[in-house]
Amino acid sequence: MTGPHVLPHLPGYIPPDVDMVQVKEQVGDGGVSAPPGADIAALRQVVAEAGQDGIDLKIVVIETNPPIDTPLRDIATEVGSAYPGSTVLAVSPFYAGTYSPVYDRVTLEAGQDLAKTGDPVQSSKNFVAELQTPDFPWMPFTILLVAGVAVAAVFTRILQVRAKRAVADEPPAAAFD
């Protein structure tokens, strides 16, 4: 008998130097988990300002970079599971990872890109700013574009029919003598 060909889910990778129990406890006390020396007061201010705007933000600062950015998303997901409804930003000096049941992955990825500054406070502010930036209204734009193309096609066809009629109604040109 063989095992499944596809794993039901990939296991998360949390770096060994990250104590998730401690991270979750710190996040529960003010919404921020950061190593000693980080500007925790400024990070808590970002969390408070986000809360005033209706964003339940949690911030996790990791002191060292993992080999790739995926572990930061795993950390954010685990914190998000512990605090349902929260949007979580996990940052290291060069990487960022996010989790949110509220925002779509495209918005989170855009925020992650802006959160790679090396300064956790600035990264957090950039992330929140991206969450608050309105999306381009693609649906109305697409509808207008399709309607415009349809109107242009109808108008072009009308001009073609009129041109054919005009050519058919003209008397034949006299031959050169």
Protein backbone atom coordinates (compact mmCIF):
# COMPACT_ATOMS: atom_id res chain seq x y z
CA MET A 1 0.00 0.00 0.00
CA THR A 2 1.33 3.42 -0.91
CA GLY A 3 0.86 6.71 0.92
CA PRO A 4 -0.84 9.81 -0.40
CA HIS A 5 0.71 11.39 -3.48
CA VAL A 6 -0.05 14.88 -2.22
CA LEU A 7 0.45 16.18 1.30
CA PRO A 8 -2.77 17.63 2.74
CA HIS A 9 -0.83 20.74 3.83
CA LEU A 10 2.78 21.71 4.01
CA PRO A 11 4.15 22.02 7.51
CA GLY A 12 5.22 25.48 8.60
CA TYR A 13 8.82 26.25 9.26
CA ILE A 14 9.55 28.32 12.34
CA PRO A 15 13.25 29.12 12.83
CA PRO A 16 14.68 27.41 15.92
CA ASP A 17 15.67 30.73 17.50
CA VAL A 18 12.03 31.92 17.56
CA ASP A 19 10.08 30.95 20.68
CA MET A 20 6.48 30.99 19.47
CA VAL A 21 5.06 30.63 22.98
CA GLN A 22 6.88 33.79 24.03
CA VAL A 23 5.94 35.57 20.79
CA LYS A 24 2.24 34.85 21.32
CA GLU A 25 2.42 35.98 24.96
CA GLN A 26 4.12 39.25 24.00
CA VAL A 27 1.64 39.88 21.19
CA GLY A 28 -1.18 39.34 23.68
CA ASP A 29 0.28 42.13 25.80
CA GLY A 30 0.08 45.16 23.51
CA GLY A 31 0.04 43.63 20.04
CA VAL A 32 3.83 43.59 19.62
CA SER A 33 6.56 40.99 19.99
CA ALA A 34 10.06 42.36 19.54
CA PRO A 35 13.56 41.60 20.77
CA PRO A 36 15.24 43.77 23.39
CA GLY A 37 16.49 47.01 21.89
CA ALA A 38 13.59 47.41 19.48
CA ASP A 39 11.45 50.53 19.80
CA ILE A 40 8.48 48.72 21.33
CA ALA A 41 6.72 51.97 22.30
CA ALA A 42 6.76 53.18 18.67
CA LEU A 43 5.58 49.77 17.43
CA ARG A 44 2.71 49.82 19.93
CA GLN A 45 1.84 53.30 18.68
CA VAL A 46 1.57 51.93 15.14
CA VAL A 47 -0.69 49.14 16.44
CA ALA A 48 -2.84 51.69 18.32
CA GLU A 49 -3.16 53.98 15.28
CA ALA A 50 -4.07 51.01 13.08
CA GLY A 51 -6.69 50.03 15.67
CA GLN A 52 -8.21 53.50 15.45
CA ASP A 53 -8.58 52.90 11.72
CA GLY A 54 -10.28 49.54 12.29
CA ILE A 55 -7.24 47.32 11.66
CA ASP A 56 -6.56 44.68 14.33
CA LEU A 57 -2.80 44.67 13.77
CA LYS A 58 -0.22 42.45 15.44
CA ILE A 59 3.50 43.01 14.83
CA VAL A 60 6.25 40.42 15.29
CA VAL A 61 9.86 41.55 14.95
CA ILE A 62 12.46 38.84 14.41
CA GLU A 63 16.04 39.83 15.17
CA THR A 64 17.75 37.65 12.55
CA ASN A 65 16.90 36.88 8.95
CA PRO A 66 15.74 33.37 8.10
CA PRO A 67 17.29 31.81 4.97
CA ILE A 68 14.15 32.76 2.98
CA ASP A 69 11.07 34.85 3.74
CA THR A 70 8.62 31.93 4.00
CA PRO A 71 9.19 31.35 7.75
CA LEU A 72 7.97 34.89 8.43
CA ARG A 73 4.65 34.08 6.78
CA ASP A 74 4.51 30.89 8.86
CA ILE A 75 5.14 32.93 12.03
CA ALA A 76 2.47 35.44 11.01
CA THR A 77 0.01 32.63 10.27
CA GLU A 78 0.61 30.99 13.64
CA VAL A 79 0.12 34.31 15.48
CA GLY A 80 -2.99 34.98 13.36
CA SER A 81 -4.38 31.59 14.37
CA ALA A 82 -3.85 32.47 18.02
CA TYR A 83 -5.60 35.84 17.55
CA PRO A 84 -8.48 35.27 15.11
CA GLY A 85 -9.44 38.24 12.99
CA SER A 86 -6.03 39.85 13.33
CA THR A 87 -3.80 41.06 10.55
CA VAL A 88 -0.22 40.07 11.39
CA LEU A 89 3.04 41.53 10.12
CA ALA A 90 6.25 39.62 10.87
CA VAL A 91 9.46 41.44 9.94
CA SER A 92 13.16 40.69 10.04
CA PRO A 93 15.94 43.01 8.85
CA PHE A 94 15.53 42.00 5.17
CA TYR A 95 12.22 40.11 4.94
CA ALA A 96 8.56 40.45 5.80
CA GLY A 97 5.69 37.97 6.08
CA THR A 98 2.00 38.59 6.59
CA TYR A 99 -1.27 36.92 7.47
CA SER A 100 -4.81 38.26 7.43
CA PRO A 101 -8.31 36.87 7.15
CA VAL A 102 -9.49 40.41 6.28
CA TYR A 103 -7.19 41.53 3.44
CA ASP A 104 -6.54 39.69 0.20
CA ARG A 105 -3.13 38.23 -0.62
CA VAL A 106 -2.43 40.87 -3.30
CA THR A 107 -2.81 43.69 -0.78
CA LEU A 108 -0.74 41.81 1.80
CA GLU A 109 2.04 41.14 -0.73
CA ALA A 110 2.11 44.82 -1.72
CA GLY A 111 2.35 45.73 1.96
CA GLN A 112 5.11 43.18 2.47
CA ASP A 113 7.14 44.75 -0.30
CA LEU A 114 6.93 48.12 1.43
CA ALA A 115 7.75 46.59 4.81
CA LYS A 116 11.28 45.54 3.85
CA THR A 117 13.08 48.63 5.14
CA GLY A 118 15.26 47.21 7.91
CA ASP A 119 13.54 49.52 10.41
CA PRO A 120 10.61 47.71 12.09
CA VAL A 121 8.75 50.93 12.94
CA GLN A 122 8.98 52.34 9.41
CA SER A 123 8.19 48.93 7.96
CA SER A 124 5.04 48.73 10.09
CA LYS A 125 3.95 52.23 9.09
CA ASN A 126 4.50 51.43 5.41
CA PHE A 127 2.51 48.21 5.77
CA VAL A 128 -0.45 49.94 7.43
CA ALA A 129 -0.38 52.71 4.81
CA GLU A 130 -0.63 50.11 2.05
CA LEU A 131 -3.59 48.45 3.78
CA GLN A 132 -5.35 51.83 3.86
CA THR A 133 -4.62 52.70 0.23
CA PRO A 134 -7.73 52.23 -1.88
CA ASP A 135 -7.47 49.68 -4.67
CA PHE A 136 -7.84 50.70 -8.29
CA PRO A 137 -11.47 50.07 -9.36
CA TRP A 138 -10.75 47.37 -11.93
CA MET A 139 -14.34 46.19 -12.37
CA PRO A 140 -15.80 49.57 -13.44
CA PHE A 141 -12.70 50.22 -15.58
CA THR A 142 -13.15 46.88 -17.37
CA ILE A 143 -16.86 47.48 -17.95
CA LEU A 144 -16.17 50.93 -19.42
CA LEU A 145 -13.37 49.58 -21.59
CA VAL A 146 -15.52 46.75 -23.00
CA ALA A 147 -18.43 49.14 -23.60
CA GLY A 148 -16.09 51.59 -25.35
CA VAL A 149 -14.73 48.89 -27.63
CA ALA A 150 -18.28 47.73 -28.45
CA VAL A 151 -19.40 51.28 -29.29
CA ALA A 152 -16.29 51.78 -31.47
CA ALA A 153 -17.00 48.50 -33.31
CA VAL A 154 -20.64 49.48 -33.99
CA PHE A 155 -19.61 52.97 -35.13
CA THR A 156 -16.96 51.50 -37.46
CA ARG A 157 -19.51 49.10 -38.97
CA ILE A 158 -21.98 51.96 -39.56
CA LEU A 159 -19.27 53.92 -41.38
CA GLN A 160 -18.43 50.86 -43.51
CA VAL A 161 -22.08 50.40 -44.55
CA ARG A 162 -22.45 54.10 -45.43
CA ALA A 163 -19.25 54.04 -47.48
CA LYS A 164 -20.45 50.96 -49.44
CA ARG A 165 -23.80 52.64 -50.18
CA ALA A 166 -22.09 55.84 -51.30
CA VAL A 167 -19.86 53.91 -53.70
CA ALA A 168 -22.84 51.91 -55.05
CA ASP A 169 -24.96 55.06 -55.59
CA GLU A 170 -22.29 56.90 -57.63
CA PRO A 171 -22.58 56.65 -61.38
CA PRO A 172 -19.68 54.93 -63.08
CA ALA A 173 -16.91 57.30 -64.05
CA ALA A 174 -16.62 58.13 -67.74
CA ALA A 175 -13.79 56.44 -69.52
CA PHE A 176 -10.96 58.64 -70.71
CA ASP A 177 -11.25 59.50 -74.37
